[in-house]
Amino acid sequence: MISGATVPLHSTLSILARGPIGAAKHFAVFLLEKIGLSYRALFPHRIDTPPITGSPIFSETTDVNELRAYVRAPRRFEHLITEASERYRRKRSEIATKAYDL
């Protein structure tokens, strides 16, 4: 083998050597990947989403309506463990500040 040469990950022979079921699975995954890429090319993600502003919202709520509002808000949302320690809250705040470049 030549050093530095690249070998394709899946050659036709290696796929067919897996048997008909293995080849069919590989073909199905390949086809689904191409369909997904084609769909995203035809229908890209919306660009009109509002920019994320402000510091993150920290909440322990388990109410579905409140959570839905927090997730859809134009701010980051951090869900905390109920009755968590102050040390945990402080650490989550530090991580969020660092992760969101605040």
PDB file of N, CA and C in Angstrom:
ATOM      1  N   MET A   1       0.843  -1.179   0.000  1.00  0.00           N
ATOM      2  CA  MET A   1       0.000   0.000   0.000  1.00  0.00           C
ATOM      3  C   MET A   1       0.883   1.235   0.000  1.00  0.00           C
ATOM      4  N   ILE A   2       0.487   2.240  -0.725  1.00  0.00           N
ATOM      5  CA  ILE A   2       1.252   3.474  -0.836  1.00  0.00           C
ATOM      6  C   ILE A   2       0.983   4.316   0.399  1.00  0.00           C
ATOM      7  N   SER A   3       2.059   4.815   1.014  1.00  0.00           N
ATOM      8  CA  SER A   3       1.863   5.630   2.210  1.00  0.00           C
ATOM      9  C   SER A   3       1.321   6.997   1.810  1.00  0.00           C
ATOM     10  N   GLY A   4       0.401   7.497   2.604  1.00  0.00           N
ATOM     11  CA  GLY A   4      -0.179   8.817   2.341  1.00  0.00           C
ATOM     12  C   GLY A   4      -1.359   8.767   1.388  1.00  0.00           C
ATOM     13  N   ALA A   5      -1.648   7.627   0.783  1.00  0.00           N
ATOM     14  CA  ALA A   5      -2.775   7.528  -0.142  1.00  0.00           C
ATOM     15  C   ALA A   5      -4.068   7.411   0.658  1.00  0.00           C
ATOM     16  N   THR A   6      -5.091   8.033   0.154  1.00  0.00           N
ATOM     17  CA  THR A   6      -6.381   7.945   0.837  1.00  0.00           C
ATOM     18  C   THR A   6      -7.197   6.829   0.217  1.00  0.00           C
ATOM     19  N   VAL A   7      -7.866   6.088   1.057  1.00  0.00           N
ATOM     20  CA  VAL A   7      -8.701   4.975   0.620  1.00  0.00           C
ATOM     21  C   VAL A   7     -10.145   5.353   0.904  1.00  0.00           C
ATOM     22  N   PRO A   8     -11.048   5.161  -0.069  1.00  0.00           N
ATOM     23  CA  PRO A   8     -12.447   5.491   0.206  1.00  0.00           C
ATOM     24  C   PRO A   8     -12.976   4.662   1.367  1.00  0.00           C
ATOM     25  N   LEU A   9     -13.820   5.275   2.174  1.00  0.00           N
ATOM     26  CA  LEU A   9     -14.350   4.580   3.344  1.00  0.00           C
ATOM     27  C   LEU A   9     -15.193   3.366   2.961  1.00  0.00           C
ATOM     28  N   HIS A  10     -15.962   3.497   1.897  1.00  0.00           N
ATOM     29  CA  HIS A  10     -16.838   2.400   1.481  1.00  0.00           C
ATOM     30  C   HIS A  10     -16.682   2.207  -0.024  1.00  0.00           C
ATOM     31  N   SER A  11     -15.954   1.192  -0.414  1.00  0.00           N
ATOM     32  CA  SER A  11     -15.890   0.881  -1.835  1.00  0.00           C
ATOM     33  C   SER A  11     -17.100   0.025  -2.185  1.00  0.00           C
ATOM     34  N   THR A  12     -17.408  -0.043  -3.434  1.00  0.00           N
ATOM     35  CA  THR A  12     -18.559  -0.821  -3.880  1.00  0.00           C
ATOM     36  C   THR A  12     -18.408  -2.285  -3.485  1.00  0.00           C
ATOM     37  N   LEU A  13     -17.213  -2.815  -3.641  1.00  0.00           N
ATOM     38  CA  LEU A  13     -16.993  -4.222  -3.296  1.00  0.00           C
ATOM     39  C   LEU A  13     -17.154  -4.485  -1.809  1.00  0.00           C
ATOM     40  N   SER A  14     -16.666  -3.556  -0.959  1.00  0.00           N
ATOM     41  CA  SER A  14     -16.804  -3.766   0.480  1.00  0.00           C
ATOM     42  C   SER A  14     -18.267  -3.689   0.914  1.00  0.00           C
ATOM     43  N   ILE A  15     -19.050  -2.865   0.244  1.00  0.00           N
ATOM     44  CA  ILE A  15     -20.482  -2.766   0.563  1.00  0.00           C
ATOM     45  C   ILE A  15     -21.207  -4.036   0.130  1.00  0.00           C
ATOM     46  N   LEU A  16     -20.898  -4.527  -1.070  1.00  0.00           N
ATOM     47  CA  LEU A  16     -21.545  -5.738  -1.559  1.00  0.00           C
ATOM     48  C   LEU A  16     -21.109  -6.967  -0.769  1.00  0.00           C
ATOM     49  N   ALA A  17     -19.907  -6.930  -0.198  1.00  0.00           N
ATOM     50  CA  ALA A  17     -19.413  -8.061   0.581  1.00  0.00           C
ATOM     51  C   ALA A  17     -20.199  -8.234   1.880  1.00  0.00           C
ATOM     52  N   ARG A  18     -20.898  -7.231   2.319  1.00  0.00           N
ATOM     53  CA  ARG A  18     -21.698  -7.330   3.546  1.00  0.00           C
ATOM     54  C   ARG A  18     -22.949  -8.181   3.352  1.00  0.00           C
ATOM     55  N   GLY A  19     -23.254  -8.479   2.123  1.00  0.00           N
ATOM     56  CA  GLY A  19     -24.457  -9.245   1.830  1.00  0.00           C
ATOM     57  C   GLY A  19     -25.570  -8.320   1.375  1.00  0.00           C
ATOM     58  N   PRO A  20     -26.655  -8.897   0.897  1.00  0.00           N
ATOM     59  CA  PRO A  20     -27.733  -8.063   0.352  1.00  0.00           C
ATOM     60  C   PRO A  20     -28.402  -7.170   1.392  1.00  0.00           C
ATOM     61  N   ILE A  21     -28.553  -7.643   2.615  1.00  0.00           N
ATOM     62  CA  ILE A  21     -29.204  -6.829   3.648  1.00  0.00           C
ATOM     63  C   ILE A  21     -28.300  -5.663   4.044  1.00  0.00           C
ATOM     64  N   GLY A  22     -27.013  -5.930   4.212  1.00  0.00           N
ATOM     65  CA  GLY A  22     -26.061  -4.865   4.550  1.00  0.00           C
ATOM     66  C   GLY A  22     -25.975  -3.830   3.456  1.00  0.00           C
ATOM     67  N   ALA A  23     -25.975  -4.287   2.207  1.00  0.00           N
ATOM     68  CA  ALA A  23     -25.928  -3.351   1.082  1.00  0.00           C
ATOM     69  C   ALA A  23     -27.201  -2.522   1.018  1.00  0.00           C
ATOM     70  N   ALA A  24     -28.336  -3.158   1.288  1.00  0.00           N
ATOM     71  CA  ALA A  24     -29.612  -2.432   1.276  1.00  0.00           C
ATOM     72  C   ALA A  24     -29.649  -1.378   2.375  1.00  0.00           C
ATOM     73  N   LYS A  25     -29.124  -1.713   3.570  1.00  0.00           N
ATOM     74  CA  LYS A  25     -29.068  -0.740   4.664  1.00  0.00           C
ATOM     75  C   LYS A  25     -28.182   0.446   4.287  1.00  0.00           C
ATOM     76  N   HIS A  26     -27.032   0.145   3.703  1.00  0.00           N
ATOM     77  CA  HIS A  26     -26.117   1.218   3.302  1.00  0.00           C
ATOM     78  C   HIS A  26     -26.780   2.121   2.264  1.00  0.00           C
ATOM     79  N   PHE A  27     -27.450   1.512   1.294  1.00  0.00           N
ATOM     80  CA  PHE A  27     -28.118   2.286   0.263  1.00  0.00           C
ATOM     81  C   PHE A  27     -29.239   3.138   0.856  1.00  0.00           C
ATOM     82  N   ALA A  28     -29.996   2.573   1.805  1.00  0.00           N
ATOM     83  CA  ALA A  28     -31.098   3.324   2.438  1.00  0.00           C
ATOM     84  C   ALA A  28     -30.561   4.538   3.192  1.00  0.00           C
ATOM     85  N   VAL A  29     -29.475   4.364   3.944  1.00  0.00           N
ATOM     86  CA  VAL A  29     -28.887   5.482   4.687  1.00  0.00           C
ATOM     87  C   VAL A  29     -28.374   6.539   3.711  1.00  0.00           C
ATOM     88  N   PHE A  30     -27.708   6.090   2.661  1.00  0.00           N
ATOM     89  CA  PHE A  30     -27.200   7.011   1.640  1.00  0.00           C
ATOM     90  C   PHE A  30     -28.348   7.807   1.023  1.00  0.00           C
ATOM     91  N   LEU A  31     -29.419   7.110   0.671  1.00  0.00           N
ATOM     92  CA  LEU A  31     -30.567   7.756   0.041  1.00  0.00           C
ATOM     93  C   LEU A  31     -31.234   8.755   0.989  1.00  0.00           C
ATOM     94  N   LEU A  32     -31.437   8.368   2.245  1.00  0.00           N
ATOM     95  CA  LEU A  32     -32.061   9.273   3.215  1.00  0.00           C
ATOM     96  C   LEU A  32     -31.206  10.514   3.459  1.00  0.00           C
ATOM     97  N   GLU A  33     -29.896  10.332   3.496  1.00  0.00           N
ATOM     98  CA  GLU A  33     -29.005  11.485   3.671  1.00  0.00           C
ATOM     99  C   GLU A  33     -29.154  12.455   2.503  1.00  0.00           C
ATOM    100  N   LYS A  34     -29.199  11.938   1.281  1.00  0.00           N
ATOM    101  CA  LYS A  34     -29.336  12.801   0.096  1.00  0.00           C
ATOM    102  C   LYS A  34     -30.700  13.479   0.060  1.00  0.00           C
ATOM    103  N   ILE A  35     -31.737  12.775   0.500  1.00  0.00           N
ATOM    104  CA  ILE A  35     -33.070  13.390   0.546  1.00  0.00           C
ATOM    105  C   ILE A  35     -33.079  14.535   1.558  1.00  0.00           C
ATOM    106  N   GLY A  36     -32.465  14.319   2.716  1.00  0.00           N
ATOM    107  CA  GLY A  36     -32.398  15.368   3.729  1.00  0.00           C
ATOM    108  C   GLY A  36     -31.640  16.589   3.241  1.00  0.00           C
ATOM    109  N   LEU A  37     -30.515  16.364   2.579  1.00  0.00           N
ATOM    110  CA  LEU A  37     -29.734  17.488   2.054  1.00  0.00           C
ATOM    111  C   LEU A  37     -30.498  18.228   0.964  1.00  0.00           C
ATOM    112  N   SER A  38     -31.206  17.482   0.124  1.00  0.00           N
ATOM    113  CA  SER A  38     -31.999  18.113  -0.937  1.00  0.00           C
ATOM    114  C   SER A  38     -33.132  18.942  -0.345  1.00  0.00           C
ATOM    115  N   TYR A  39     -33.796  18.403   0.666  1.00  0.00           N
ATOM    116  CA  TYR A  39     -34.884  19.135   1.310  1.00  0.00           C
ATOM    117  C   TYR A  39     -34.373  20.448   1.900  1.00  0.00           C
ATOM    118  N   ARG A  40     -33.237  20.404   2.605  1.00  0.00           N
ATOM    119  CA  ARG A  40     -32.691  21.603   3.223  1.00  0.00           C
ATOM    120  C   ARG A  40     -32.235  22.605   2.161  1.00  0.00           C
ATOM    121  N   ALA A  41     -31.795  22.130   0.999  1.00  0.00           N
ATOM    122  CA  ALA A  41     -31.411  23.037  -0.082  1.00  0.00           C
ATOM    123  C   ALA A  41     -32.648  23.737  -0.652  1.00  0.00           C
ATOM    124  N   LEU A  42     -33.756  23.003  -0.760  1.00  0.00           N
ATOM    125  CA  LEU A  42     -34.984  23.595  -1.290  1.00  0.00           C
ATOM    126  C   LEU A  42     -35.702  24.459  -0.259  1.00  0.00           C
ATOM    127  N   PHE A  43     -35.673  24.051   1.003  1.00  0.00           N
ATOM    128  CA  PHE A  43     -36.363  24.762   2.070  1.00  0.00           C
ATOM    129  C   PHE A  43     -35.391  25.058   3.208  1.00  0.00           C
ATOM    130  N   PRO A  44     -34.556  26.094   3.067  1.00  0.00           N
ATOM    131  CA  PRO A  44     -33.577  26.395   4.119  1.00  0.00           C
ATOM    132  C   PRO A  44     -34.255  26.888   5.394  1.00  0.00           C
ATOM    133  N   HIS A  45     -33.497  26.872   6.487  1.00  0.00           N
ATOM    134  CA  HIS A  45     -34.008  27.369   7.759  1.00  0.00           C
ATOM    135  C   HIS A  45     -34.401  28.836   7.618  1.00  0.00           C
ATOM    136  N   ARG A  46     -35.426  29.226   8.372  1.00  0.00           N
ATOM    137  CA  ARG A  46     -35.862  30.618   8.333  1.00  0.00           C
ATOM    138  C   ARG A  46     -34.774  31.538   8.870  1.00  0.00           C
ATOM    139  N   ILE A  47     -34.630  32.677   8.251  1.00  0.00           N
ATOM    140  CA  ILE A  47     -33.621  33.646   8.664  1.00  0.00           C
ATOM    141  C   ILE A  47     -34.245  34.719   9.541  1.00  0.00           C
ATOM    142  N   ASP A  48     -35.562  34.805   9.575  1.00  0.00           N
ATOM    143  CA  ASP A  48     -36.245  35.887  10.275  1.00  0.00           C
ATOM    144  C   ASP A  48     -36.379  35.656  11.784  1.00  0.00           C
ATOM    145  N   THR A  49     -35.599  34.766  12.364  1.00  0.00           N
ATOM    146  CA  THR A  49     -35.657  34.578  13.806  1.00  0.00           C
ATOM    147  C   THR A  49     -35.014  35.766  14.504  1.00  0.00           C
ATOM    148  N   PRO A  50     -35.578  36.204  15.614  1.00  0.00           N
ATOM    149  CA  PRO A  50     -35.029  37.383  16.288  1.00  0.00           C
ATOM    150  C   PRO A  50     -33.646  37.080  16.875  1.00  0.00           C
ATOM    151  N   PRO A  51     -32.776  38.087  16.906  1.00  0.00           N
ATOM    152  CA  PRO A  51     -31.453  37.868  17.488  1.00  0.00           C
ATOM    153  C   PRO A  51     -31.560  37.632  18.994  1.00  0.00           C
ATOM    154  N   ILE A  52     -30.670  36.821  19.506  1.00  0.00           N
ATOM    155  CA  ILE A  52     -30.677  36.516  20.937  1.00  0.00           C
ATOM    156  C   ILE A  52     -29.977  37.652  21.665  1.00  0.00           C
ATOM    157  N   THR A  53     -30.676  38.224  22.645  1.00  0.00           N
ATOM    158  CA  THR A  53     -30.139  39.367  23.377  1.00  0.00           C
ATOM    159  C   THR A  53     -30.254  39.136  24.871  1.00  0.00           C
ATOM    160  N   GLY A  54     -29.472  39.871  25.624  1.00  0.00           N
ATOM    161  CA  GLY A  54     -29.582  39.849  27.078  1.00  0.00           C
ATOM    162  C   GLY A  54     -28.981  38.620  27.720  1.00  0.00           C
ATOM    163  N   SER A  55     -29.020  38.656  29.032  1.00  0.00           N
ATOM    164  CA  SER A  55     -28.482  37.532  29.803  1.00  0.00           C
ATOM    165  C   SER A  55     -29.482  36.382  29.801  1.00  0.00           C
ATOM    166  N   PRO A  56     -29.021  35.166  30.051  1.00  0.00           N
ATOM    167  CA  PRO A  56     -29.928  34.023  30.007  1.00  0.00           C
ATOM    168  C   PRO A  56     -30.969  34.043  31.122  1.00  0.00           C
ATOM    169  N   ILE A  57     -32.070  33.376  30.873  1.00  0.00           N
ATOM    170  CA  ILE A  57     -33.128  33.212  31.854  1.00  0.00           C
ATOM    171  C   ILE A  57     -32.846  31.902  32.593  1.00  0.00           C
ATOM    172  N   PHE A  58     -32.822  31.943  33.910  1.00  0.00           N
ATOM    173  CA  PHE A  58     -32.637  30.751  34.728  1.00  0.00           C
ATOM    174  C   PHE A  58     -33.966  30.435  35.398  1.00  0.00           C
ATOM    175  N   SER A  59     -34.428  29.191  35.288  1.00  0.00           N
ATOM    176  CA  SER A  59     -35.710  28.842  35.866  1.00  0.00           C
ATOM    177  C   SER A  59     -35.726  27.373  36.288  1.00  0.00           C
ATOM    178  N   GLU A  60     -36.512  27.089  37.331  1.00  0.00           N
ATOM    179  CA  GLU A  60     -36.716  25.719  37.812  1.00  0.00           C
ATOM    180  C   GLU A  60     -38.105  25.212  37.463  1.00  0.00           C
ATOM    181  N   THR A  61     -38.878  25.987  36.768  1.00  0.00           N
ATOM    182  CA  THR A  61     -40.279  25.652  36.531  1.00  0.00           C
ATOM    183  C   THR A  61     -40.439  24.344  35.776  1.00  0.00           C
ATOM    184  N   THR A  62     -41.561  23.688  36.033  1.00  0.00           N
ATOM    185  CA  THR A  62     -41.921  22.482  35.295  1.00  0.00           C
ATOM    186  C   THR A  62     -43.243  22.684  34.559  1.00  0.00           C
ATOM    187  N   ASP A  63     -43.773  23.900  34.601  1.00  0.00           N
ATOM    188  CA  ASP A  63     -45.008  24.227  33.909  1.00  0.00           C
ATOM    189  C   ASP A  63     -44.737  24.303  32.401  1.00  0.00           C
ATOM    190  N   VAL A  64     -45.491  23.549  31.636  1.00  0.00           N
ATOM    191  CA  VAL A  64     -45.265  23.448  30.193  1.00  0.00           C
ATOM    192  C   VAL A  64     -45.401  24.803  29.500  1.00  0.00           C
ATOM    193  N   ASN A  65     -46.405  25.577  29.883  1.00  0.00           N
ATOM    194  CA  ASN A  65     -46.626  26.865  29.230  1.00  0.00           C
ATOM    195  C   ASN A  65     -45.480  27.839  29.496  1.00  0.00           C
ATOM    196  N   GLU A  66     -45.000  27.859  30.723  1.00  0.00           N
ATOM    197  CA  GLU A  66     -43.863  28.730  31.047  1.00  0.00           C
ATOM    198  C   GLU A  66     -42.610  28.295  30.287  1.00  0.00           C
ATOM    199  N   LEU A  67     -42.356  26.999  30.278  1.00  0.00           N
ATOM    200  CA  LEU A  67     -41.180  26.495  29.574  1.00  0.00           C
ATOM    201  C   LEU A  67     -41.245  26.820  28.091  1.00  0.00           C
ATOM    202  N   ARG A  68     -42.402  26.651  27.486  1.00  0.00           N
ATOM    203  CA  ARG A  68     -42.567  26.966  26.066  1.00  0.00           C
ATOM    204  C   ARG A  68     -42.273  28.436  25.814  1.00  0.00           C
ATOM    205  N   ALA A  69     -42.749  29.312  26.688  1.00  0.00           N
ATOM    206  CA  ALA A  69     -42.491  30.747  26.535  1.00  0.00           C
ATOM    207  C   ALA A  69     -41.005  31.054  26.677  1.00  0.00           C
ATOM    208  N   TYR A  70     -40.337  30.407  27.626  1.00  0.00           N
ATOM    209  CA  TYR A  70     -38.902  30.635  27.816  1.00  0.00           C
ATOM    210  C   TYR A  70     -38.089  30.163  26.610  1.00  0.00           C
ATOM    211  N   VAL A  71     -38.450  29.007  26.083  1.00  0.00           N
ATOM    212  CA  VAL A  71     -37.709  28.457  24.944  1.00  0.00           C
ATOM    213  C   VAL A  71     -37.888  29.334  23.702  1.00  0.00           C
ATOM    214  N   ARG A  72     -39.067  29.888  23.520  1.00  0.00           N
ATOM    215  CA  ARG A  72     -39.337  30.717  22.340  1.00  0.00           C
ATOM    216  C   ARG A  72     -38.898  32.167  22.508  1.00  0.00           C
ATOM    217  N   ALA A  73     -38.523  32.554  23.693  1.00  0.00           N
ATOM    218  CA  ALA A  73     -38.107  33.938  23.943  1.00  0.00           C
ATOM    219  C   ALA A  73     -36.788  34.226  23.222  1.00  0.00           C
ATOM    220  N   PRO A  74     -36.533  35.488  22.869  1.00  0.00           N
ATOM    221  CA  PRO A  74     -35.280  35.826  22.187  1.00  0.00           C
ATOM    222  C   PRO A  74     -34.099  35.935  23.160  1.00  0.00           C
ATOM    223  N   ARG A  75     -34.113  35.119  24.182  1.00  0.00           N
ATOM    224  CA  ARG A  75     -33.010  35.059  25.150  1.00  0.00           C
ATOM    225  C   ARG A  75     -32.648  33.616  25.387  1.00  0.00           C
ATOM    226  N   ARG A  76     -31.439  33.384  25.833  1.00  0.00           N
ATOM    227  CA  ARG A  76     -31.014  32.025  26.175  1.00  0.00           C
ATOM    228  C   ARG A  76     -31.790  31.568  27.404  1.00  0.00           C
ATOM    229  N   PHE A  77     -31.992  30.265  27.506  1.00  0.00           N
ATOM    230  CA  PHE A  77     -32.754  29.709  28.620  1.00  0.00           C
ATOM    231  C   PHE A  77     -31.971  28.577  29.251  1.00  0.00           C
ATOM    232  N   GLU A  78     -31.814  28.631  30.561  1.00  0.00           N
ATOM    233  CA  GLU A  78     -31.136  27.591  31.330  1.00  0.00           C
ATOM    234  C   GLU A  78     -32.129  27.007  32.323  1.00  0.00           C
ATOM    235  N   HIS A  79     -32.392  25.722  32.190  1.00  0.00           N
ATOM    236  CA  HIS A  79     -33.310  25.054  33.108  1.00  0.00           C
ATOM    237  C   HIS A  79     -32.499  24.460  34.245  1.00  0.00           C
ATOM    238  N   LEU A  80     -32.853  24.806  35.476  1.00  0.00           N
ATOM    239  CA  LEU A  80     -32.111  24.360  36.655  1.00  0.00           C
ATOM    240  C   LEU A  80     -32.802  23.195  37.339  1.00  0.00           C
ATOM    241  N   ILE A  81     -32.024  22.431  38.068  1.00  0.00           N
ATOM    242  CA  ILE A  81     -32.566  21.333  38.857  1.00  0.00           C
ATOM    243  C   ILE A  81     -33.341  21.931  40.032  1.00  0.00           C
ATOM    244  N   THR A  82     -34.534  21.406  40.288  1.00  0.00           N
ATOM    245  CA  THR A  82     -35.362  21.900  41.375  1.00  0.00           C
ATOM    246  C   THR A  82     -34.655  21.706  42.710  1.00  0.00           C
ATOM    247  N   GLU A  83     -34.707  22.726  43.544  1.00  0.00           N
ATOM    248  CA  GLU A  83     -34.096  22.734  44.876  1.00  0.00           C
ATOM    249  C   GLU A  83     -32.592  22.447  44.838  1.00  0.00           C
ATOM    250  N   ALA A  84     -31.928  22.984  43.828  1.00  0.00           N
ATOM    251  CA  ALA A  84     -30.482  22.794  43.713  1.00  0.00           C
ATOM    252  C   ALA A  84     -29.747  23.717  44.681  1.00  0.00           C
ATOM    253  N   SER A  85     -28.507  23.382  44.968  1.00  0.00           N
ATOM    254  CA  SER A  85     -27.711  24.179  45.902  1.00  0.00           C
ATOM    255  C   SER A  85     -27.287  25.495  45.266  1.00  0.00           C
ATOM    256  N   GLU A  86     -26.901  26.407  46.121  1.00  0.00           N
ATOM    257  CA  GLU A  86     -26.429  27.712  45.652  1.00  0.00           C
ATOM    258  C   GLU A  86     -25.135  27.553  44.850  1.00  0.00           C
ATOM    259  N   ARG A  87     -24.315  26.606  45.252  1.00  0.00           N
ATOM    260  CA  ARG A  87     -23.061  26.345  44.527  1.00  0.00           C
ATOM    261  C   ARG A  87     -23.369  25.905  43.094  1.00  0.00           C
ATOM    262  N   TYR A  88     -24.356  25.034  42.913  1.00  0.00           N
ATOM    263  CA  TYR A  88     -24.772  24.571  41.592  1.00  0.00           C
ATOM    264  C   TYR A  88     -25.252  25.745  40.743  1.00  0.00           C
ATOM    265  N   ARG A  89     -26.098  26.589  41.328  1.00  0.00           N
ATOM    266  CA  ARG A  89     -26.622  27.752  40.602  1.00  0.00           C
ATOM    267  C   ARG A  89     -25.498  28.692  40.160  1.00  0.00           C
ATOM    268  N   ARG A  90     -24.561  28.927  41.072  1.00  0.00           N
ATOM    269  CA  ARG A  90     -23.433  29.812  40.767  1.00  0.00           C
ATOM    270  C   ARG A  90     -22.591  29.232  39.624  1.00  0.00           C
ATOM    271  N   LYS A  91     -22.341  27.930  39.694  1.00  0.00           N
ATOM    272  CA  LYS A  91     -21.535  27.277  38.662  1.00  0.00           C
ATOM    273  C   LYS A  91     -22.252  27.300  37.315  1.00  0.00           C
ATOM    274  N   ARG A  92     -23.555  27.051  37.294  1.00  0.00           N
ATOM    275  CA  ARG A  92     -24.326  27.117  36.045  1.00  0.00           C
ATOM    276  C   ARG A  92     -24.289  28.519  35.456  1.00  0.00           C
ATOM    277  N   SER A  93     -24.349  29.524  36.329  1.00  0.00           N
ATOM    278  CA  SER A  93     -24.281  30.907  35.866  1.00  0.00           C
ATOM    279  C   SER A  93     -22.909  31.201  35.248  1.00  0.00           C
ATOM    280  N   GLU A  94     -21.850  30.722  35.891  1.00  0.00           N
ATOM    281  CA  GLU A  94     -20.501  30.911  35.340  1.00  0.00           C
ATOM    282  C   GLU A  94     -20.360  30.233  33.980  1.00  0.00           C
ATOM    283  N   ILE A  95     -20.849  29.014  33.877  1.00  0.00           N
ATOM    284  CA  ILE A  95     -20.750  28.276  32.614  1.00  0.00           C
ATOM    285  C   ILE A  95     -21.544  28.973  31.514  1.00  0.00           C
ATOM    286  N   ALA A  96     -22.753  29.435  31.845  1.00  0.00           N
ATOM    287  CA  ALA A  96     -23.583  30.130  30.853  1.00  0.00           C
ATOM    288  C   ALA A  96     -22.924  31.418  30.403  1.00  0.00           C
ATOM    289  N   THR A  97     -22.351  32.157  31.344  1.00  0.00           N
ATOM    290  CA  THR A  97     -21.679  33.413  30.996  1.00  0.00           C
ATOM    291  C   THR A  97     -20.510  33.153  30.051  1.00  0.00           C
ATOM    292  N   LYS A  98     -19.756  32.125  30.362  1.00  0.00           N
ATOM    293  CA  LYS A  98     -18.611  31.780  29.517  1.00  0.00           C
ATOM    294  C   LYS A  98     -19.056  31.252  28.153  1.00  0.00           C
ATOM    295  N   ALA A  99     -20.078  30.386  28.131  1.00  0.00           N
ATOM    296  CA  ALA A  99     -20.538  29.779  26.892  1.00  0.00           C
ATOM    297  C   ALA A  99     -21.192  30.787  25.950  1.00  0.00           C
ATOM    298  N   TYR A 100     -21.901  31.746  26.511  1.00  0.00           N
ATOM    299  CA  TYR A 100     -22.614  32.715  25.686  1.00  0.00           C
ATOM    300  C   TYR A 100     -21.844  34.014  25.490  1.00  0.00           C
ATOM    301  N   ASP A 101     -20.597  34.072  25.938  1.00  0.00           N
ATOM    302  CA  ASP A 101     -19.733  35.249  25.790  1.00  0.00           C
ATOM    303  C   ASP A 101     -20.402  36.518  26.296  1.00  0.00           C
ATOM    304  N   LEU A 102     -20.876  36.463  27.530  1.00  0.00           N
ATOM    305  CA  LEU A 102     -21.548  37.645  28.110  1.00  0.00           C
ATOM    306  C   LEU A 102     -20.559  38.484  28.901  1.00  0.00           C
TER     307      LEU A 102
END
